[in-house]
N, C-alpha and C. Protein backbone atom coordinates (compact mmCIF):
# COMPACT_ATOMS: atom_id res chain seq x y z
N MET A 1 -50.07 50.28 -187.59
CA MET A 1 -51.29 49.79 -188.17
C MET A 1 -51.97 50.94 -188.99
N THR A 2 -52.16 50.72 -190.27
CA THR A 2 -52.80 51.68 -191.03
C THR A 2 -54.26 51.54 -191.07
N ARG A 3 -55.06 52.61 -191.17
CA ARG A 3 -56.42 52.54 -191.37
C ARG A 3 -56.85 52.50 -192.72
N THR A 4 -57.88 51.85 -192.99
CA THR A 4 -58.43 51.68 -194.29
C THR A 4 -59.17 53.16 -194.57
N PRO A 5 -58.84 53.77 -195.65
CA PRO A 5 -59.43 55.04 -195.96
C PRO A 5 -61.02 54.83 -196.16
N ARG A 6 -61.61 55.88 -195.63
CA ARG A 6 -63.21 55.80 -195.65
C ARG A 6 -63.69 55.97 -197.10
N ARG A 7 -64.54 55.13 -197.47
CA ARG A 7 -65.09 55.25 -198.92
C ARG A 7 -66.02 56.41 -199.06
N ALA A 8 -65.87 57.14 -200.14
CA ALA A 8 -66.85 58.43 -200.43
C ALA A 8 -68.17 57.60 -200.88
N PRO A 9 -69.32 58.34 -200.58
CA PRO A 9 -70.60 57.72 -200.87
C PRO A 9 -70.70 57.65 -202.28
N ARG A 10 -71.28 56.53 -202.89
CA ARG A 10 -71.46 56.32 -204.17
C ARG A 10 -72.43 57.38 -204.82
N SER A 11 -72.25 57.52 -206.14
CA SER A 11 -73.18 58.66 -206.75
C SER A 11 -74.60 58.20 -206.74
N ASP A 12 -74.97 56.84 -206.85
CA ASP A 12 -76.43 56.58 -206.78
C ASP A 12 -76.87 56.74 -205.44
N SER A 13 -76.05 56.43 -204.42
CA SER A 13 -76.51 56.60 -203.08
C SER A 13 -76.83 58.13 -202.68
N LEU A 14 -75.94 58.99 -203.27
CA LEU A 14 -76.14 60.41 -203.10
C LEU A 14 -77.40 60.89 -203.77
N GLU A 15 -77.57 60.31 -204.94
CA GLU A 15 -78.86 60.68 -205.72
C GLU A 15 -80.11 60.14 -204.98
N ASN A 16 -80.03 58.93 -204.44
CA ASN A 16 -81.22 58.52 -203.73
C ASN A 16 -81.42 59.27 -202.49
N ARG A 17 -80.58 59.67 -201.87
CA ARG A 17 -80.70 60.49 -200.74
C ARG A 17 -81.37 62.02 -201.11
N ALA A 18 -80.87 62.54 -201.98
CA ALA A 18 -81.36 63.81 -202.59
C ALA A 18 -82.89 63.69 -203.07
N ARG A 19 -83.12 62.65 -203.77
CA ARG A 19 -84.42 62.37 -204.31
C ARG A 19 -85.51 62.05 -203.01
N ILE A 20 -84.99 61.35 -201.97
CA ILE A 20 -85.89 61.07 -200.82
C ILE A 20 -86.20 62.44 -200.21
N ILE A 21 -85.11 63.36 -200.07
CA ILE A 21 -85.39 64.64 -199.34
C ILE A 21 -86.28 65.52 -200.11
N GLU A 22 -86.06 65.47 -201.40
CA GLU A 22 -86.93 66.30 -202.34
C GLU A 22 -88.38 65.84 -202.22
N THR A 23 -88.61 64.51 -202.35
CA THR A 23 -89.95 63.93 -202.28
C THR A 23 -90.58 64.02 -200.92
N ALA A 24 -89.82 64.00 -199.85
CA ALA A 24 -90.31 64.17 -198.48
C ALA A 24 -90.81 65.57 -198.38
N TYR A 25 -89.99 66.50 -198.89
CA TYR A 25 -90.38 67.92 -198.72
C TYR A 25 -91.74 68.31 -199.21
N ALA A 26 -92.00 67.69 -200.61
CA ALA A 26 -93.28 67.87 -201.24
C ALA A 26 -94.35 67.09 -200.39
N ALA A 27 -94.07 65.88 -199.90
CA ALA A 27 -95.03 65.14 -199.15
C ALA A 27 -95.47 65.84 -197.84
N VAL A 28 -94.51 66.18 -196.98
CA VAL A 28 -94.93 66.78 -195.72
C VAL A 28 -95.54 68.08 -195.94
N THR A 29 -95.26 68.79 -197.01
CA THR A 29 -95.81 70.14 -197.23
C THR A 29 -97.36 69.96 -197.44
N SER A 30 -97.76 68.86 -198.21
CA SER A 30 -99.17 68.64 -198.40
C SER A 30 -99.87 67.87 -197.35
N ASP A 31 -99.01 66.99 -196.76
CA ASP A 31 -99.58 66.09 -195.67
C ASP A 31 -98.42 65.95 -194.60
N PRO A 32 -98.55 66.77 -193.50
CA PRO A 32 -97.45 66.57 -192.42
C PRO A 32 -97.49 65.13 -191.71
N SER A 33 -98.39 64.34 -191.81
CA SER A 33 -98.44 63.01 -191.32
C SER A 33 -97.99 61.91 -192.40
N ALA A 34 -97.47 62.35 -193.45
CA ALA A 34 -97.10 61.28 -194.49
C ALA A 34 -95.99 60.41 -193.92
N SER A 35 -96.25 59.16 -194.09
CA SER A 35 -95.36 58.19 -193.51
C SER A 35 -94.05 57.93 -194.25
N LEU A 36 -93.13 57.30 -193.62
CA LEU A 36 -91.94 57.02 -194.36
C LEU A 36 -92.06 56.00 -195.61
N GLN A 37 -93.02 55.11 -195.31
CA GLN A 37 -93.45 54.15 -196.32
C GLN A 37 -93.97 54.85 -197.70
N ALA A 38 -94.83 55.72 -197.41
CA ALA A 38 -95.48 56.50 -198.46
C ALA A 38 -94.35 57.44 -199.20
N ILE A 39 -93.52 57.94 -198.39
CA ILE A 39 -92.38 58.82 -199.11
C ILE A 39 -91.53 57.85 -199.81
N ALA A 40 -91.05 56.79 -199.36
CA ALA A 40 -90.26 55.89 -200.09
C ALA A 40 -90.88 55.39 -201.36
N ARG A 41 -92.08 55.08 -201.32
CA ARG A 41 -92.79 54.67 -202.57
C ARG A 41 -92.88 55.85 -203.62
N ALA A 42 -93.09 57.06 -203.21
CA ALA A 42 -93.06 58.16 -204.06
C ALA A 42 -91.79 58.54 -204.64
N ALA A 43 -90.66 58.15 -203.76
CA ALA A 43 -89.31 58.44 -204.24
C ALA A 43 -88.85 57.31 -205.17
N GLY A 44 -89.52 56.35 -205.31
CA GLY A 44 -89.10 55.03 -206.06
C GLY A 44 -87.91 54.26 -205.47
N VAL A 45 -87.94 54.22 -204.13
CA VAL A 45 -86.79 53.62 -203.45
C VAL A 45 -87.52 52.46 -202.51
N GLY A 46 -86.65 51.51 -202.11
CA GLY A 46 -87.26 50.46 -201.23
C GLY A 46 -87.12 51.01 -199.73
N GLN A 47 -87.73 50.17 -198.94
CA GLN A 47 -87.62 50.57 -197.50
C GLN A 47 -86.24 50.47 -196.98
N GLY A 48 -85.49 49.39 -197.41
CA GLY A 48 -84.02 49.34 -196.91
C GLY A 48 -83.25 50.66 -197.26
N THR A 49 -83.41 51.13 -198.48
CA THR A 49 -82.68 52.33 -198.87
C THR A 49 -83.20 53.46 -198.05
N MET A 50 -84.43 53.51 -197.84
CA MET A 50 -84.94 54.73 -196.94
C MET A 50 -84.35 54.69 -195.56
N TYR A 51 -84.31 53.41 -194.92
CA TYR A 51 -83.84 53.39 -193.54
C TYR A 51 -82.33 53.54 -193.47
N ARG A 52 -81.66 53.19 -194.59
CA ARG A 52 -80.15 53.34 -194.64
C ARG A 52 -79.83 54.72 -194.50
N HIS A 53 -80.57 55.71 -195.15
CA HIS A 53 -80.32 56.90 -195.17
C HIS A 53 -80.92 57.74 -193.99
N PHE A 54 -82.14 57.34 -193.64
CA PHE A 54 -82.95 58.02 -192.55
C PHE A 54 -83.62 56.88 -191.67
N PRO A 55 -82.99 56.59 -190.52
CA PRO A 55 -83.45 55.49 -189.72
C PRO A 55 -84.88 55.76 -189.17
N ASP A 56 -85.22 56.90 -189.02
CA ASP A 56 -86.56 57.34 -188.43
C ASP A 56 -87.13 58.60 -188.92
N ARG A 57 -88.39 58.92 -188.71
CA ARG A 57 -89.02 60.15 -189.20
C ARG A 57 -88.45 61.39 -188.84
N GLU A 58 -87.79 61.36 -187.57
CA GLU A 58 -87.12 62.62 -187.04
C GLU A 58 -85.98 63.00 -187.84
N ALA A 59 -85.21 61.96 -188.18
CA ALA A 59 -83.90 62.15 -188.88
C ALA A 59 -84.17 62.69 -190.33
N LEU A 60 -85.33 62.15 -190.94
CA LEU A 60 -85.67 62.65 -192.24
C LEU A 60 -86.14 64.23 -192.16
N LEU A 61 -86.99 64.59 -191.13
CA LEU A 61 -87.36 65.92 -191.00
C LEU A 61 -86.36 66.85 -190.76
N LEU A 62 -85.35 66.46 -189.93
CA LEU A 62 -84.16 67.17 -189.78
C LEU A 62 -83.39 67.65 -191.05
N ALA A 63 -83.31 66.54 -191.95
CA ALA A 63 -82.73 66.78 -193.27
C ALA A 63 -83.54 67.74 -194.16
N VAL A 64 -84.85 67.44 -194.08
CA VAL A 64 -85.69 68.14 -194.96
C VAL A 64 -85.74 69.69 -194.67
N TYR A 65 -85.76 69.92 -193.41
CA TYR A 65 -85.74 71.38 -192.94
C TYR A 65 -84.37 71.94 -192.56
N ARG A 66 -83.39 71.31 -193.02
CA ARG A 66 -81.99 71.74 -192.64
C ARG A 66 -81.74 73.11 -192.75
N GLU A 67 -82.18 73.70 -193.92
CA GLU A 67 -81.88 75.36 -194.20
C GLU A 67 -82.71 76.00 -193.27
N ASP A 68 -83.91 75.52 -192.85
CA ASP A 68 -84.77 76.39 -191.93
C ASP A 68 -84.06 76.33 -190.58
N LEU A 69 -83.65 75.25 -190.17
CA LEU A 69 -83.01 74.99 -188.90
C LEU A 69 -81.69 75.83 -188.84
N GLU A 70 -80.89 75.89 -189.96
CA GLU A 70 -79.72 76.64 -189.90
C GLU A 70 -80.08 78.13 -189.78
N ALA A 71 -81.03 78.59 -190.47
CA ALA A 71 -81.45 79.97 -190.39
C ALA A 71 -81.79 80.42 -188.93
N LEU A 72 -82.63 79.54 -188.39
CA LEU A 72 -83.09 79.82 -186.96
C LEU A 72 -81.91 79.82 -185.96
N ALA A 73 -80.98 78.93 -186.11
CA ALA A 73 -79.77 79.00 -185.15
C ALA A 73 -78.91 80.26 -185.42
N ALA A 74 -78.93 80.61 -186.69
CA ALA A 74 -78.07 81.81 -186.99
C ALA A 74 -78.68 83.10 -186.48
N ALA A 75 -80.03 83.01 -186.33
CA ALA A 75 -80.74 84.29 -185.90
C ALA A 75 -80.45 84.59 -184.40
N ALA A 76 -80.10 83.73 -183.59
CA ALA A 76 -80.02 84.01 -182.18
C ALA A 76 -78.88 85.06 -181.93
N PRO A 77 -77.75 84.96 -182.51
CA PRO A 77 -76.84 86.00 -182.22
C PRO A 77 -77.17 87.33 -182.84
N LEU A 78 -77.72 87.25 -183.98
CA LEU A 78 -78.17 88.52 -184.66
C LEU A 78 -79.35 89.24 -183.80
N LEU A 79 -80.13 88.48 -183.20
CA LEU A 79 -81.26 89.03 -182.28
C LEU A 79 -80.55 89.71 -181.09
N LEU A 80 -79.52 89.11 -180.60
CA LEU A 80 -78.83 89.63 -179.36
C LEU A 80 -78.18 90.86 -179.74
N ASP A 81 -77.68 91.08 -180.97
CA ASP A 81 -77.06 92.33 -181.42
C ASP A 81 -77.92 93.40 -181.53
N GLU A 82 -79.30 93.09 -181.67
CA GLU A 82 -80.36 94.20 -181.87
C GLU A 82 -81.10 94.39 -180.66
N TYR A 83 -81.29 93.44 -179.81
CA TYR A 83 -82.35 93.42 -178.74
C TYR A 83 -81.68 93.03 -177.55
N GLY A 84 -82.39 93.39 -176.27
CA GLY A 84 -81.98 92.90 -175.08
C GLY A 84 -82.20 91.39 -175.04
N PRO A 85 -81.76 90.64 -173.99
CA PRO A 85 -81.87 89.28 -174.04
C PRO A 85 -83.31 88.71 -173.94
N LEU A 86 -84.15 89.27 -173.07
CA LEU A 86 -85.48 88.68 -173.10
C LEU A 86 -86.16 89.02 -174.34
N GLU A 87 -86.08 90.24 -174.86
CA GLU A 87 -86.75 90.48 -176.15
C GLU A 87 -86.26 89.69 -177.29
N ALA A 88 -84.91 89.35 -177.15
CA ALA A 88 -84.25 88.53 -178.28
C ALA A 88 -84.85 87.17 -178.24
N LEU A 89 -85.10 86.74 -176.93
CA LEU A 89 -85.53 85.36 -176.57
C LEU A 89 -86.97 85.30 -177.23
N ARG A 90 -87.83 86.32 -176.83
CA ARG A 90 -89.12 86.34 -177.30
C ARG A 90 -89.22 86.27 -178.90
N ARG A 91 -88.47 87.12 -179.57
CA ARG A 91 -88.51 87.10 -180.99
C ARG A 91 -88.06 85.86 -181.62
N TRP A 92 -87.11 85.23 -180.98
CA TRP A 92 -86.56 83.92 -181.54
C TRP A 92 -87.69 82.84 -181.38
N PHE A 93 -88.37 82.83 -180.26
CA PHE A 93 -89.48 81.78 -180.15
C PHE A 93 -90.60 82.17 -181.09
N GLU A 94 -90.84 83.45 -181.27
CA GLU A 94 -91.94 83.87 -182.25
C GLU A 94 -91.64 83.27 -183.65
N ARG A 95 -90.30 83.36 -184.03
CA ARG A 95 -89.88 83.00 -185.30
C ARG A 95 -90.04 81.48 -185.45
N LEU A 96 -89.68 80.76 -184.42
CA LEU A 96 -89.76 79.36 -184.48
C LEU A 96 -91.30 78.93 -184.38
N ALA A 97 -92.13 79.58 -183.58
CA ALA A 97 -93.58 79.19 -183.57
C ALA A 97 -94.22 79.47 -184.94
N ALA A 98 -93.81 80.53 -185.59
CA ALA A 98 -94.40 81.03 -186.78
C ALA A 98 -94.20 80.00 -187.96
N ASP A 99 -93.17 79.24 -187.79
CA ASP A 99 -92.87 78.08 -188.71
C ASP A 99 -93.77 76.87 -188.42
N GLY A 100 -94.57 76.95 -187.45
CA GLY A 100 -95.26 75.65 -187.16
C GLY A 100 -96.64 75.60 -187.88
N ARG A 101 -96.51 75.40 -189.13
CA ARG A 101 -97.58 75.27 -190.05
C ARG A 101 -97.51 74.14 -191.00
N PRO A 102 -98.49 73.47 -191.63
CA PRO A 102 -98.40 72.32 -192.36
C PRO A 102 -97.52 72.50 -193.56
N THR A 103 -97.40 73.79 -193.92
CA THR A 103 -96.56 73.86 -195.12
C THR A 103 -95.09 73.81 -194.97
N GLY A 104 -94.78 73.53 -193.67
CA GLY A 104 -93.21 73.27 -193.54
C GLY A 104 -92.78 74.27 -192.40
N GLY A 105 -91.36 74.18 -192.14
CA GLY A 105 -90.72 74.98 -191.18
C GLY A 105 -89.96 74.26 -190.28
N ALA A 106 -89.15 74.99 -189.42
CA ALA A 106 -88.21 74.33 -188.53
C ALA A 106 -88.99 73.64 -187.38
N SER A 107 -90.08 74.22 -186.95
CA SER A 107 -90.70 73.73 -185.80
C SER A 107 -91.23 72.30 -185.87
N GLN A 108 -91.43 71.91 -187.19
CA GLN A 108 -92.01 70.48 -187.38
C GLN A 108 -90.73 69.55 -187.05
N ALA A 109 -89.54 69.92 -187.41
CA ALA A 109 -88.49 69.04 -187.14
C ALA A 109 -88.09 69.08 -185.76
N VAL A 110 -88.02 70.26 -185.08
CA VAL A 110 -87.81 70.38 -183.68
C VAL A 110 -88.85 69.61 -182.75
N ALA A 111 -90.21 69.78 -183.32
CA ALA A 111 -91.22 69.07 -182.47
C ALA A 111 -91.05 67.52 -182.58
N ALA A 112 -90.78 67.21 -183.88
CA ALA A 112 -90.56 65.48 -183.95
C ALA A 112 -89.47 65.14 -183.08
N ALA A 113 -88.28 65.89 -183.16
CA ALA A 113 -87.15 65.42 -182.39
C ALA A 113 -87.44 65.43 -180.78
N THR A 114 -88.05 66.50 -180.43
CA THR A 114 -88.43 66.62 -179.10
C THR A 114 -89.38 65.52 -178.65
N ARG A 115 -90.42 65.17 -179.46
CA ARG A 115 -91.24 64.06 -179.06
C ARG A 115 -90.44 62.64 -178.90
N ALA A 116 -89.40 62.66 -179.73
CA ALA A 116 -88.63 61.37 -179.67
C ALA A 116 -87.61 61.43 -178.55
N GLY A 117 -87.62 62.43 -177.83
CA GLY A 117 -86.50 62.46 -176.83
C GLY A 117 -85.28 63.02 -177.28
N ARG A 118 -85.14 63.48 -178.39
CA ARG A 118 -83.78 64.00 -179.04
C ARG A 118 -83.99 65.40 -179.18
N HIS A 119 -82.79 66.08 -179.46
CA HIS A 119 -82.84 67.62 -179.66
C HIS A 119 -81.73 67.92 -180.85
N HIS A 120 -82.02 68.81 -181.56
CA HIS A 120 -81.03 69.29 -182.61
C HIS A 120 -80.03 70.08 -182.09
N PRO A 121 -78.70 69.62 -181.96
CA PRO A 121 -77.70 70.37 -181.25
C PRO A 121 -77.60 71.77 -181.68
N PRO A 122 -77.57 72.22 -182.92
CA PRO A 122 -77.44 73.63 -183.22
C PRO A 122 -78.66 74.57 -182.66
N ILE A 123 -79.90 73.94 -182.60
CA ILE A 123 -80.98 74.76 -182.02
C ILE A 123 -80.77 74.88 -180.59
N VAL A 124 -80.40 73.86 -179.90
CA VAL A 124 -80.21 73.78 -178.44
C VAL A 124 -79.11 74.86 -178.07
N ALA A 125 -77.98 74.89 -179.00
CA ALA A 125 -76.91 75.71 -178.72
C ALA A 125 -77.38 77.28 -178.99
N ALA A 126 -78.28 77.51 -179.97
CA ALA A 126 -78.73 78.77 -180.22
C ALA A 126 -79.62 79.23 -179.00
N LEU A 127 -80.47 78.49 -178.49
CA LEU A 127 -81.34 78.76 -177.30
C LEU A 127 -80.44 79.04 -176.06
N ASP A 128 -79.33 78.11 -175.99
CA ASP A 128 -78.52 78.37 -174.78
C ASP A 128 -77.82 79.67 -174.87
N LEU A 129 -77.49 80.10 -176.17
CA LEU A 129 -76.78 81.40 -176.26
C LEU A 129 -77.76 82.53 -175.68
N LEU A 130 -78.96 82.34 -176.07
CA LEU A 130 -79.99 83.45 -175.67
C LEU A 130 -80.18 83.40 -174.22
N LEU A 131 -80.31 82.18 -173.61
CA LEU A 131 -80.56 82.14 -172.15
C LEU A 131 -79.25 82.48 -171.38
N SER A 132 -78.12 82.19 -171.81
CA SER A 132 -76.91 82.60 -171.13
C SER A 132 -76.61 84.06 -171.22
N ALA A 133 -77.05 84.73 -172.27
CA ALA A 133 -77.08 86.20 -172.39
C ALA A 133 -77.90 86.78 -171.31
N GLY A 134 -79.10 86.13 -171.17
CA GLY A 134 -80.08 86.66 -170.24
C GLY A 134 -79.64 86.36 -168.78
N LYS A 135 -78.98 85.35 -168.57
CA LYS A 135 -78.47 85.07 -167.13
C LYS A 135 -77.35 86.07 -166.77
N GLU A 136 -76.48 86.38 -167.66
CA GLU A 136 -75.37 87.35 -167.56
C GLU A 136 -75.94 88.73 -167.28
N ALA A 137 -77.13 89.03 -167.90
CA ALA A 137 -77.56 90.21 -167.61
C ALA A 137 -78.58 90.41 -166.52
N ARG A 138 -78.71 89.14 -165.82
CA ARG A 138 -79.53 88.87 -164.59
C ARG A 138 -81.04 89.18 -164.92
N GLN A 139 -81.40 88.87 -166.28
CA GLN A 139 -82.73 88.92 -166.52
C GLN A 139 -83.41 87.52 -166.67
N VAL A 140 -82.59 86.60 -166.77
CA VAL A 140 -83.21 85.05 -166.94
C VAL A 140 -82.80 84.24 -165.66
N ARG A 141 -83.58 83.56 -165.14
CA ARG A 141 -83.42 82.71 -164.00
C ARG A 141 -82.20 81.83 -164.22
N ALA A 142 -81.30 81.60 -163.15
CA ALA A 142 -80.12 80.85 -163.34
C ALA A 142 -80.47 79.28 -163.51
N ASP A 143 -81.60 78.84 -163.26
CA ASP A 143 -81.73 77.41 -163.34
C ASP A 143 -82.47 76.96 -164.79
N ALA A 144 -82.62 77.92 -165.64
CA ALA A 144 -83.24 77.85 -167.06
C ALA A 144 -82.26 76.90 -167.88
N GLU A 145 -82.64 75.73 -168.24
CA GLU A 145 -81.84 74.92 -169.10
C GLU A 145 -82.42 74.86 -170.55
N ALA A 146 -81.62 74.98 -171.58
CA ALA A 146 -82.14 75.06 -172.91
C ALA A 146 -82.99 73.95 -173.35
N GLU A 147 -82.68 72.69 -173.13
CA GLU A 147 -83.35 71.61 -173.58
C GLU A 147 -84.83 71.52 -172.85
N GLU A 148 -84.91 71.85 -171.57
CA GLU A 148 -86.15 71.99 -170.85
C GLU A 148 -87.00 73.12 -171.33
N VAL A 149 -86.32 74.32 -171.63
CA VAL A 149 -87.12 75.46 -172.07
C VAL A 149 -87.67 75.17 -173.49
N LEU A 150 -86.90 74.41 -174.38
CA LEU A 150 -87.38 74.08 -175.64
C LEU A 150 -88.60 73.02 -175.51
N LEU A 151 -88.50 72.21 -174.57
CA LEU A 151 -89.58 71.29 -174.41
C LEU A 151 -90.93 71.96 -173.90
N LEU A 152 -90.64 72.96 -173.08
CA LEU A 152 -91.88 73.73 -172.56
C LEU A 152 -92.44 74.51 -173.62
N ALA A 153 -91.64 75.12 -174.50
CA ALA A 153 -92.10 76.13 -175.50
C ALA A 153 -92.76 75.26 -176.71
N SER A 154 -92.51 74.04 -176.76
CA SER A 154 -93.11 73.34 -177.86
C SER A 154 -94.66 73.27 -177.85
N SER A 155 -95.17 73.78 -176.81
CA SER A 155 -96.60 74.09 -176.94
C SER A 155 -97.02 75.00 -177.80
N LEU A 156 -96.12 75.98 -178.03
CA LEU A 156 -96.49 77.12 -178.98
C LEU A 156 -96.94 76.69 -180.22
N TRP A 157 -96.27 75.63 -180.91
CA TRP A 157 -96.63 75.09 -182.18
C TRP A 157 -97.52 73.91 -182.10
N ARG A 158 -97.81 73.42 -181.03
CA ARG A 158 -98.81 72.31 -180.85
C ARG A 158 -100.20 72.77 -180.80
N ASP A 159 -100.39 74.06 -180.48
CA ASP A 159 -101.69 74.71 -180.42
C ASP A 159 -102.10 75.04 -181.71
N ARG A 160 -102.50 74.20 -182.50
CA ARG A 160 -102.92 74.33 -183.92
C ARG A 160 -104.16 73.55 -184.17
N ARG A 161 -105.06 74.08 -185.07
CA ARG A 161 -106.16 73.26 -185.59
C ARG A 161 -105.68 72.35 -186.72
N GLY A 162 -106.51 71.54 -187.16
CA GLY A 162 -105.98 70.58 -188.20
C GLY A 162 -105.54 71.34 -189.49
N ASP A 163 -106.17 72.55 -189.67
CA ASP A 163 -105.72 73.25 -190.98
C ASP A 163 -104.49 74.05 -190.70
N GLY A 164 -103.95 74.12 -189.56
CA GLY A 164 -102.56 74.81 -189.28
C GLY A 164 -102.79 76.10 -188.60
N GLU A 165 -104.08 76.71 -188.55
CA GLU A 165 -104.40 77.91 -187.99
C GLU A 165 -104.28 77.74 -186.42
N PRO A 166 -103.88 78.85 -185.73
CA PRO A 166 -104.02 78.91 -184.37
C PRO A 166 -105.44 78.50 -183.84
N SER A 167 -105.65 77.84 -182.81
CA SER A 167 -107.02 77.48 -182.35
C SER A 167 -107.62 78.80 -181.79
N CYS A 168 -106.84 79.77 -181.37
CA CYS A 168 -107.26 81.00 -180.87
C CYS A 168 -106.29 82.09 -181.32
N PRO A 169 -106.77 83.14 -182.02
CA PRO A 169 -105.81 84.09 -182.53
C PRO A 169 -104.76 84.59 -181.62
N ASP A 170 -105.03 84.83 -180.40
CA ASP A 170 -104.16 85.49 -179.44
C ASP A 170 -103.59 84.51 -178.44
N ARG A 171 -103.99 83.16 -178.59
CA ARG A 171 -103.59 82.24 -177.56
C ARG A 171 -102.04 82.13 -177.57
N GLY A 172 -101.48 81.94 -178.78
CA GLY A 172 -100.03 81.76 -178.90
C GLY A 172 -99.16 82.84 -178.15
N ARG A 173 -99.81 84.14 -178.42
CA ARG A 173 -98.93 85.33 -177.75
C ARG A 173 -99.18 85.19 -176.22
N ARG A 174 -100.28 84.83 -175.91
CA ARG A 174 -100.47 84.82 -174.27
C ARG A 174 -99.53 83.77 -173.81
N MET A 175 -99.46 82.57 -174.54
CA MET A 175 -98.70 81.49 -174.01
C MET A 175 -97.20 81.85 -173.94
N LEU A 176 -96.71 82.57 -175.08
CA LEU A 176 -95.39 82.94 -175.02
C LEU A 176 -95.10 83.94 -173.95
N THR A 177 -95.97 84.80 -173.69
CA THR A 177 -95.85 85.77 -172.53
C THR A 177 -95.70 85.06 -171.25
N VAL A 178 -96.45 83.97 -170.96
CA VAL A 178 -96.35 83.20 -169.81
C VAL A 178 -94.99 82.54 -169.72
N ILE A 179 -94.46 82.00 -170.86
CA ILE A 179 -93.26 81.37 -170.84
C ILE A 179 -92.10 82.36 -170.60
N ILE A 180 -92.12 83.57 -171.14
CA ILE A 180 -91.05 84.47 -171.04
C ILE A 180 -91.12 85.01 -169.48
N ASP A 181 -92.27 85.24 -168.99
CA ASP A 181 -92.38 85.83 -167.74
C ASP A 181 -91.94 84.73 -166.66
N GLY A 182 -92.09 83.43 -166.96
CA GLY A 182 -91.66 82.35 -166.09
C GLY A 182 -90.17 82.23 -166.08
N LEU A 183 -89.45 82.72 -167.11
CA LEU A 183 -88.03 82.71 -167.24
C LEU A 183 -87.37 83.88 -166.65
N ARG A 184 -88.09 84.83 -166.19
CA ARG A 184 -87.56 86.09 -165.72
C ARG A 184 -86.80 85.84 -164.36
N ALA A 185 -85.62 86.46 -164.23
CA ALA A 185 -84.94 86.25 -162.99
C ALA A 185 -85.59 86.55 -161.82
N ASP A 186 -86.50 87.58 -161.75
CA ASP A 186 -87.21 88.08 -160.67
C ASP A 186 -88.60 87.24 -160.42
N ALA A 187 -88.75 86.20 -161.36
CA ALA A 187 -90.01 85.31 -161.13
C ALA A 187 -89.91 84.55 -159.77
N ARG A 188 -90.95 84.68 -159.03
CA ARG A 188 -90.91 83.96 -157.75
C ARG A 188 -91.22 82.47 -157.92
N PRO A 189 -90.33 81.56 -157.38
CA PRO A 189 -90.59 80.16 -157.49
C PRO A 189 -91.98 79.74 -156.76
N ALA A 190 -92.75 78.88 -157.36
CA ALA A 190 -93.89 78.55 -156.82
C ALA A 190 -93.68 77.76 -155.62
N ARG A 191 -94.49 77.93 -154.56
CA ARG A 191 -94.36 77.08 -153.23
C ARG A 191 -94.89 75.78 -153.42
N PRO A 192 -94.25 74.79 -153.05
CA PRO A 192 -94.86 73.45 -153.13
C PRO A 192 -96.16 73.40 -152.32
N SER A 193 -97.16 72.82 -152.97
CA SER A 193 -98.50 72.59 -152.30
C SER A 193 -98.37 71.55 -151.25
N ARG A 194 -99.20 71.76 -150.27
CA ARG A 194 -99.24 70.83 -149.11
C ARG A 194 -100.13 69.59 -149.51
N PRO A 195 -99.74 68.39 -149.17
CA PRO A 195 -100.55 67.26 -149.50
C PRO A 195 -101.88 67.35 -148.87
N ALA A 196 -102.97 66.91 -149.44
CA ALA A 196 -104.28 66.97 -149.04
C ALA A 196 -104.30 66.05 -147.78
N ARG A 197 -105.11 66.48 -146.79
CA ARG A 197 -105.26 65.53 -145.80
C ARG A 197 -106.37 64.47 -146.19
N PRO A 198 -105.96 63.27 -145.56
CA PRO A 198 -106.91 62.14 -145.80
C PRO A 198 -108.27 62.42 -145.20
């Protein structure tokens, strides 16, 4: 039984996709809450065309910030070459959190995917690389899982005012310190609290 060869995307389909991504980049740069409907109208395509290429907002943001995400994923091994595991992990999160501004960046895509219960595999793999290096060096606790740590760290870029500025200049730095300290191998697990007596 022979398989039917897969058709290459038509040129107009590729043009539509490229135009949607370009329009979406401009839209979310000026208004991070821009809807798929508004982006489709601005790109001059119908709703059906939009959803054929991008079934939801998360998929669109992952495409819009693809280069930012690739650069963030590629940074993990480079940081490990230059710093110890915990410092590399801190600097990687600082880089991700620094992108959490309305003008764009990888954290918008990561945050959107995390809220939808999905994760971007290259970003999870990059974080797993950092955590694994820390575990091998006995600096990071053995039960730290990349997806859970990423969800926890999402608080770093949610702590923003409407204009994209941190709500407190030093809050993000303190929050990251708490996260890193909680990941240390020598961090004592919290004792379960006793239930209150009736």
